[in-house]
Amino acid sequence: MISSDVIRGYNDPMILSILIEGDSYGYEISKRIREISDEKYIIKETTLYSAFTRLQKNGYIDSYPGDETFGKKRTYYKITPAGLEFYLAKRDEWQITKEVVNKFIGGDSE
C-alpha cells in the first residue's frame, strides 16, 4: 500500500487522467484508482471530494447532476480544456520528478 503522503501532489492528475477517458462520478473514480493501481493505492473519500472541490475551483473540472441512485442524484465530473492542460503539465513534471528521485533512492540504473 502506498502512503498518501507520497502521492498527495498527484491525486489531482490521477483523477483528471480518469476523466480524460470520460465523465464519471466519485465512487467510480475511486474504484478506477484502486483498479489501475492494482489495489496499491486507495484514495480516501475525504481526499477525493477535497480534490473535486479544488479542481472545480481552479476550473479544471465541471460537475453536473446525473441519474438518481437510491434516492440521491449522482454528481458527475468532466474535465475542462484547462484541466487537460494542467494534466499534461503535471505528467511532464512527473517524468522529471521520477528521474531525480531515482538518482537518489534507486530505480532505473543507467
Protein backbone atom coordinates (compact mmCIF):
# COMPACT_ATOMS: atom_id res chain seq x y z
CA MET A 1 0.00 0.00 0.00
CA ILE A 2 1.29 3.44 -0.93
CA SER A 3 1.31 6.16 1.71
CA SER A 4 -0.98 9.07 0.89
CA ASP A 5 1.93 11.41 1.79
CA VAL A 6 3.94 10.07 -1.14
CA ILE A 7 1.16 10.52 -3.68
CA ARG A 8 -0.55 13.65 -2.34
CA GLY A 9 0.66 16.02 -5.08
CA TYR A 10 -0.56 13.67 -7.79
CA ASN A 11 -4.14 12.95 -6.72
CA ASP A 12 -5.46 15.71 -8.98
CA PRO A 13 -3.71 14.49 -12.15
CA MET A 14 -4.72 10.89 -11.39
CA ILE A 15 -8.37 11.97 -11.17
CA LEU A 16 -8.00 14.01 -14.36
CA SER A 17 -6.45 11.04 -16.18
CA ILE A 18 -9.61 9.06 -15.44
CA LEU A 19 -11.83 11.92 -16.58
CA ILE A 20 -9.91 12.08 -19.87
CA GLU A 21 -11.43 8.64 -20.56
CA GLY A 22 -14.92 10.08 -20.00
CA ASP A 23 -17.21 11.75 -17.47
CA SER A 24 -17.56 9.89 -14.19
CA TYR A 25 -18.70 10.17 -10.56
CA GLY A 26 -16.94 9.85 -7.22
CA TYR A 27 -17.37 6.17 -6.42
CA GLU A 28 -16.46 5.10 -9.96
CA ILE A 29 -13.33 7.30 -9.95
CA SER A 30 -12.28 5.87 -6.59
CA LYS A 31 -12.83 2.34 -7.90
CA ARG A 32 -10.78 3.04 -11.06
CA ILE A 33 -7.88 4.39 -8.97
CA ARG A 34 -7.92 1.18 -6.93
CA GLU A 35 -8.08 -0.99 -10.05
CA ILE A 36 -5.42 0.86 -12.04
CA SER A 37 -3.04 0.82 -9.04
CA ASP A 38 -3.62 -2.92 -8.53
CA GLU A 39 -5.05 -2.12 -5.07
CA LYS A 40 -1.75 -0.43 -4.05
CA TYR A 41 -3.45 2.94 -3.61
CA ILE A 42 -6.90 3.50 -2.19
CA ILE A 43 -7.91 7.15 -2.21
CA LYS A 44 -9.86 8.21 0.86
CA GLU A 45 -13.33 9.64 0.29
CA THR A 46 -12.42 12.91 2.02
CA THR A 47 -9.30 13.23 -0.15
CA LEU A 48 -11.32 12.56 -3.30
CA TYR A 49 -14.03 15.12 -2.56
CA SER A 50 -11.48 17.73 -1.45
CA ALA A 51 -9.77 17.19 -4.80
CA PHE A 52 -13.08 17.66 -6.65
CA THR A 53 -13.62 20.97 -4.84
CA ARG A 54 -10.07 22.15 -5.62
CA LEU A 55 -10.25 21.02 -9.26
CA GLN A 56 -13.58 22.83 -9.74
CA LYS A 57 -12.31 25.98 -8.05
CA ASN A 58 -9.31 26.00 -10.40
CA GLY A 59 -11.51 25.48 -13.45
CA TYR A 60 -10.06 22.03 -14.24
CA ILE A 61 -13.35 20.14 -13.98
CA ASP A 62 -17.06 20.88 -14.23
CA SER A 63 -19.82 18.97 -12.49
CA TYR A 64 -23.40 18.19 -13.39
CA PRO A 65 -26.21 16.12 -11.87
CA GLY A 66 -26.67 12.62 -13.17
CA ASP A 67 -29.13 9.81 -12.62
CA GLU A 68 -30.81 9.27 -9.30
CA THR A 69 -29.47 6.28 -7.39
CA PHE A 70 -31.07 5.10 -4.15
CA GLY A 71 -32.97 8.39 -3.88
CA LYS A 72 -29.89 10.58 -4.37
CA LYS A 73 -28.62 12.19 -7.57
CA ARG A 74 -25.08 11.35 -8.55
CA THR A 75 -22.77 14.22 -9.34
CA TYR A 76 -20.78 13.65 -12.49
CA TYR A 77 -17.49 15.34 -13.29
CA LYS A 78 -15.91 16.18 -16.62
CA ILE A 79 -12.50 17.57 -17.49
CA THR A 80 -12.23 21.05 -19.00
CA PRO A 81 -9.66 22.26 -21.54
CA ALA A 82 -7.78 23.95 -18.66
CA GLY A 83 -7.87 20.63 -16.79
CA LEU A 84 -6.33 18.82 -19.74
CA GLU A 85 -3.58 21.44 -19.95
CA PHE A 86 -2.90 21.08 -16.20
CA TYR A 87 -2.83 17.28 -16.52
CA LEU A 88 -0.30 17.38 -19.37
CA ALA A 89 1.95 19.75 -17.39
CA LYS A 90 1.79 17.51 -14.31
CA ARG A 91 2.54 14.45 -16.47
CA ASP A 92 5.71 16.14 -17.76
CA GLU A 93 6.62 17.23 -14.23
CA TRP A 94 6.21 13.63 -13.02
CA GLN A 95 8.75 12.35 -15.55
CA ILE A 96 11.35 14.80 -14.24
CA THR A 97 10.43 14.07 -10.60
CA LYS A 98 10.78 10.33 -11.15
CA GLU A 99 14.16 10.80 -12.82
CA VAL A 100 15.51 12.93 -9.96
CA VAL A 101 14.20 10.70 -7.16
CA ASN A 102 15.57 7.57 -8.86
CA LYS A 103 19.04 9.14 -8.83
CA PHE A 104 18.89 9.27 -5.03
CA ILE A 105 16.95 6.25 -3.90
CA GLY A 106 17.21 3.76 -6.72
CA GLY A 107 15.14 2.65 -9.60
CA ASP A 108 16.32 2.69 -13.17
CA SER A 109 20.02 2.01 -13.41
CA GLU A 110 21.92 3.66 -16.22
